């Protein structure tokens, strides 16, 4: 979806007003598909509509961000536990290769700070990497809950909006090394550390914007 991609790339920032007519003109579409797209984004909680304010990109409070990360941590730490127990040799090897490529992409981010398309590609690959861990659990319900709660979409949104500092050079490789040892407890702890890394930076950068803007309604 074009509007979602523009939000996740940071082209439309958090808290930005969204005019149906302006978007229709920019994208060369009629008002109906734009309205339908915004409704879908509102259902995903990326967009909100408020009386006398109109439609805008959601601007999360510090508490919103922490709660999103708590949900992500609960879901993905369970995925790491199950992957450690159930993944096939092929799935483990594939995720190790993805982790290496993921780290190489993240290590290039500092040199591509102004390239929104590249940074979006990195975040998209990052989402795929974590989704593949969920798929390797063999638990369809868990994978679907992660998708339904838009856990990885919000991770991308917050990372881009906060312009989080560079990650350690082998951040994802070390995660997969821990998970692939096959110890559920170690996999759980590794994923929790992985998800919590940089959270305070994101909260401290984005959280005050909601206060400054007078946001009163929190993301559901």
Protein backbone atom coordinates (compact mmCIF):
# COMPACT_ATOMS: atom_id res chain seq x y z
CA UNK A 1 0.00 0.00 0.00
CA UNK A 2 1.53 3.30 -1.10
CA UNK A 3 0.37 5.37 1.86
CA UNK A 4 1.58 2.79 4.38
CA UNK A 5 4.96 2.62 2.66
CA UNK A 6 5.32 6.41 2.75
CA UNK A 7 4.57 6.39 6.49
CA UNK A 8 7.03 3.57 7.18
CA UNK A 9 9.72 5.31 5.12
CA UNK A 10 9.25 8.45 7.17
CA UNK A 11 8.10 10.48 4.15
CA UNK A 12 4.89 11.15 6.09
CA UNK A 13 6.03 11.68 9.70
CA UNK A 14 4.32 10.67 12.93
CA UNK A 15 1.50 13.07 13.76
CA UNK A 16 1.24 14.42 10.21
CA UNK A 17 -2.21 15.44 8.99
CA UNK A 18 -3.58 13.35 6.12
CA UNK A 19 -5.78 15.08 3.57
CA UNK A 20 -7.78 12.71 1.38
CA UNK A 21 -7.90 15.26 -1.44
CA UNK A 22 -4.17 15.96 -1.30
CA UNK A 23 -3.30 12.27 -1.24
CA UNK A 24 -5.66 11.58 -4.12
CA UNK A 25 -4.01 14.32 -6.18
CA UNK A 26 -0.47 13.18 -5.31
CA UNK A 27 -1.17 9.52 -6.08
CA UNK A 28 -3.42 10.12 -9.08
CA UNK A 29 -6.38 8.31 -7.54
CA UNK A 30 -10.00 9.05 -6.79
CA UNK A 31 -11.16 9.80 -3.25
CA UNK A 32 -12.82 6.39 -2.73
CA UNK A 33 -9.68 4.19 -2.79
CA UNK A 34 -7.86 6.78 -0.66
CA UNK A 35 -10.64 6.70 1.93
CA UNK A 36 -10.61 2.89 1.91
CA UNK A 37 -6.82 2.83 2.32
CA UNK A 38 -6.96 5.23 5.26
CA UNK A 39 -9.66 3.13 6.89
CA UNK A 40 -7.44 0.03 6.61
CA UNK A 41 -4.54 1.98 8.11
CA UNK A 42 -6.81 3.14 10.93
CA UNK A 43 -7.76 -0.49 11.59
CA UNK A 44 -4.02 -1.26 11.77
CA UNK A 45 -3.66 1.69 14.19
CA UNK A 46 -1.12 3.48 12.02
CA UNK A 47 -3.64 6.27 11.39
CA UNK A 48 -6.23 7.89 13.63
CA UNK A 49 -9.25 10.13 13.05
CA UNK A 50 -10.33 12.56 15.76
CA UNK A 51 -13.20 15.07 15.95
CA UNK A 52 -12.15 18.63 15.06
CA UNK A 53 -8.65 17.36 14.31
CA UNK A 54 -9.19 15.14 11.28
CA UNK A 55 -7.10 12.23 10.12
CA UNK A 56 -3.41 11.96 10.92
CA UNK A 57 -0.61 9.47 11.36
CA UNK A 58 -0.73 8.17 14.94
CA UNK A 59 1.71 9.84 17.30
CA UNK A 60 2.37 7.35 20.13
CA UNK A 61 3.02 8.30 23.72
CA UNK A 62 5.96 6.82 25.63
CA UNK A 63 3.53 4.38 27.24
CA UNK A 64 2.19 3.34 23.83
CA UNK A 65 5.70 2.53 22.66
CA UNK A 66 6.58 0.54 25.76
CA UNK A 67 3.36 -1.47 25.52
CA UNK A 68 4.00 -2.25 21.86
CA UNK A 69 7.43 -3.54 22.77
CA UNK A 70 6.02 -5.59 25.64
CA UNK A 71 3.64 -7.31 23.23
CA UNK A 72 6.42 -7.87 20.71
CA UNK A 73 8.73 -9.26 23.39
CA UNK A 74 6.10 -11.70 24.65
CA UNK A 75 5.28 -13.00 21.19
CA UNK A 76 8.77 -13.16 19.73
CA UNK A 77 10.45 -14.63 22.79
CA UNK A 78 7.94 -17.48 22.58
CA UNK A 79 8.73 -17.80 18.88
CA UNK A 80 12.44 -18.04 19.72
CA UNK A 81 11.75 -20.78 22.28
CA UNK A 82 9.74 -22.86 19.84
CA UNK A 83 12.17 -22.29 16.98
CA UNK A 84 15.00 -23.52 19.20
CA UNK A 85 13.06 -26.71 19.86
CA UNK A 86 11.38 -27.40 16.53
CA UNK A 87 13.20 -25.80 13.59
CA UNK A 88 14.73 -28.04 10.97
CA UNK A 89 18.41 -28.01 10.09
CA UNK A 90 17.53 -26.28 6.84
CA UNK A 91 15.55 -23.57 8.62
CA UNK A 92 18.40 -22.95 11.04
CA UNK A 93 20.94 -22.63 8.24
CA UNK A 94 18.65 -20.34 6.24
CA UNK A 95 18.14 -18.03 9.23
CA UNK A 96 21.88 -17.91 9.90
CA UNK A 97 22.42 -16.74 6.32
CA UNK A 98 19.62 -14.19 6.64
CA UNK A 99 21.16 -12.93 9.90
CA UNK A 100 24.53 -12.39 8.21
CA UNK A 101 22.88 -10.50 5.35
CA UNK A 102 20.74 -8.54 7.82
CA UNK A 103 23.81 -7.36 9.73
CA UNK A 104 25.56 -6.37 6.49
CA UNK A 105 22.53 -4.28 5.49
CA UNK A 106 22.27 -2.59 8.89
CA UNK A 107 26.00 -1.85 8.85
CA UNK A 108 25.48 0.11 5.61
CA UNK A 109 22.71 2.27 7.07
CA UNK A 110 25.02 4.98 8.40
CA UNK A 111 26.35 5.61 4.89
CA UNK A 112 22.83 5.60 3.44
CA UNK A 113 21.17 7.90 5.97
CA UNK A 114 19.37 9.94 3.31
CA UNK A 115 18.33 7.01 1.14
CA UNK A 116 14.78 6.30 2.30
CA UNK A 117 14.29 3.50 -0.22
CA UNK A 118 17.36 1.61 1.01
CA UNK A 119 16.42 2.09 4.67
CA UNK A 120 12.90 0.87 3.89
CA UNK A 121 14.38 -2.19 2.16
CA UNK A 122 16.45 -2.89 5.28
CA UNK A 123 13.40 -2.66 7.53
CA UNK A 124 11.37 -4.84 5.17
CA UNK A 125 14.08 -7.51 5.19
CA UNK A 126 14.27 -7.19 8.97
CA UNK A 127 10.55 -7.88 9.23
CA UNK A 128 10.93 -10.90 6.94
CA UNK A 129 13.80 -12.20 9.09
CA UNK A 130 11.72 -12.12 12.27
CA UNK A 131 8.68 -13.51 10.48
CA UNK A 132 10.78 -16.46 9.30
CA UNK A 133 11.64 -17.23 12.92
CA UNK A 134 7.92 -17.33 13.67
CA UNK A 135 7.31 -19.60 10.69
CA UNK A 136 10.03 -21.98 11.91
CA UNK A 137 8.12 -22.60 15.13
CA UNK A 138 5.56 -24.73 13.32
CA UNK A 139 2.88 -22.88 15.30
CA UNK A 140 0.52 -21.32 12.79
CA UNK A 141 -1.52 -19.56 15.48
CA UNK A 142 1.56 -17.78 16.87
CA UNK A 143 2.64 -16.65 13.41
CA UNK A 144 -0.83 -15.31 12.70
CA UNK A 145 -0.99 -13.41 16.02
CA UNK A 146 2.34 -11.74 15.25
CA UNK A 147 0.99 -10.70 11.84
CA UNK A 148 -2.41 -9.63 13.19
CA UNK A 149 -0.90 -7.41 15.89
CA UNK A 150 1.33 -5.67 13.32
CA UNK A 151 4.23 -6.26 15.69
CA UNK A 152 6.90 -5.89 13.03
CA UNK A 153 5.25 -2.95 11.26
CA UNK A 154 5.41 -0.89 14.45
CA UNK A 155 9.02 -1.92 15.00
CA UNK A 156 9.83 -0.48 11.56
CA UNK A 157 7.80 2.68 12.21
CA UNK A 158 9.47 3.44 15.53
CA UNK A 159 12.99 2.67 14.27
CA UNK A 160 12.66 5.00 11.29
CA UNK A 161 10.94 7.79 13.23
CA UNK A 162 13.54 7.73 16.01
CA UNK A 163 16.53 7.28 13.67
CA UNK A 164 17.93 4.79 16.15
CA UNK A 165 21.76 4.65 16.44
CA UNK A 166 23.67 1.89 14.59
CA UNK A 167 23.31 -1.66 15.90
CA UNK A 168 26.28 -3.77 17.02
CA UNK A 169 28.02 -5.23 13.92
CA UNK A 170 26.94 -8.87 14.52
CA UNK A 171 23.63 -8.16 16.23
CA UNK A 172 21.47 -10.64 14.29
CA UNK A 173 24.14 -13.30 13.83
CA UNK A 174 24.61 -13.46 17.60
CA UNK A 175 20.85 -13.77 18.08
CA UNK A 176 20.66 -16.75 15.72
CA UNK A 177 23.72 -18.38 17.24
CA UNK A 178 21.97 -18.28 20.62
CA UNK A 179 18.66 -19.58 19.24
CA UNK A 180 20.27 -22.33 17.18
CA UNK A 181 21.93 -23.86 20.24
CA UNK A 182 18.54 -25.45 20.81
CA UNK A 183 18.13 -24.34 24.42
CA UNK A 184 14.67 -22.73 24.80
CA UNK A 185 15.64 -20.68 27.86
CA UNK A 186 18.75 -19.27 26.21
CA UNK A 187 16.77 -18.53 23.02
CA UNK A 188 14.11 -16.74 25.08
CA UNK A 189 16.65 -14.55 26.89
CA UNK A 190 18.54 -13.76 23.67
CA UNK A 191 15.37 -12.60 21.92
CA UNK A 192 14.32 -10.45 24.89
CA UNK A 193 17.72 -8.73 24.94
CA UNK A 194 17.53 -8.30 21.17
CA UNK A 195 14.11 -6.62 21.29
CA UNK A 196 14.89 -4.37 24.25
CA UNK A 197 18.06 -3.03 22.66
CA UNK A 198 17.65 0.69 21.94
CA UNK A 199 14.13 0.90 23.37
CA UNK A 200 14.94 3.79 25.67
CA UNK A 201 16.36 5.79 22.77
CA UNK A 202 13.14 5.31 20.82
CA UNK A 203 10.98 6.26 23.82
CA UNK A 204 13.07 9.36 24.55
CA UNK A 205 12.97 10.57 20.94
CA UNK A 206 9.34 9.87 20.05
CA UNK A 207 7.53 10.03 23.40
CA UNK A 208 7.97 13.78 24.05
CA UNK A 209 6.46 14.61 20.64
CA UNK A 210 3.06 13.36 21.79
CA UNK A 211 3.24 15.55 24.89
CA UNK A 212 4.29 18.60 22.87
CA UNK A 213 1.47 18.05 20.36
CA UNK A 214 -1.18 17.72 23.06
CA UNK A 215 -2.04 14.10 22.22
CA UNK A 216 -4.71 12.87 24.57
CA UNK A 217 -6.01 9.68 22.98
CA UNK A 218 -3.56 6.81 23.14
CA UNK A 219 -3.20 4.08 20.54
CA UNK A 220 -5.52 1.23 21.43
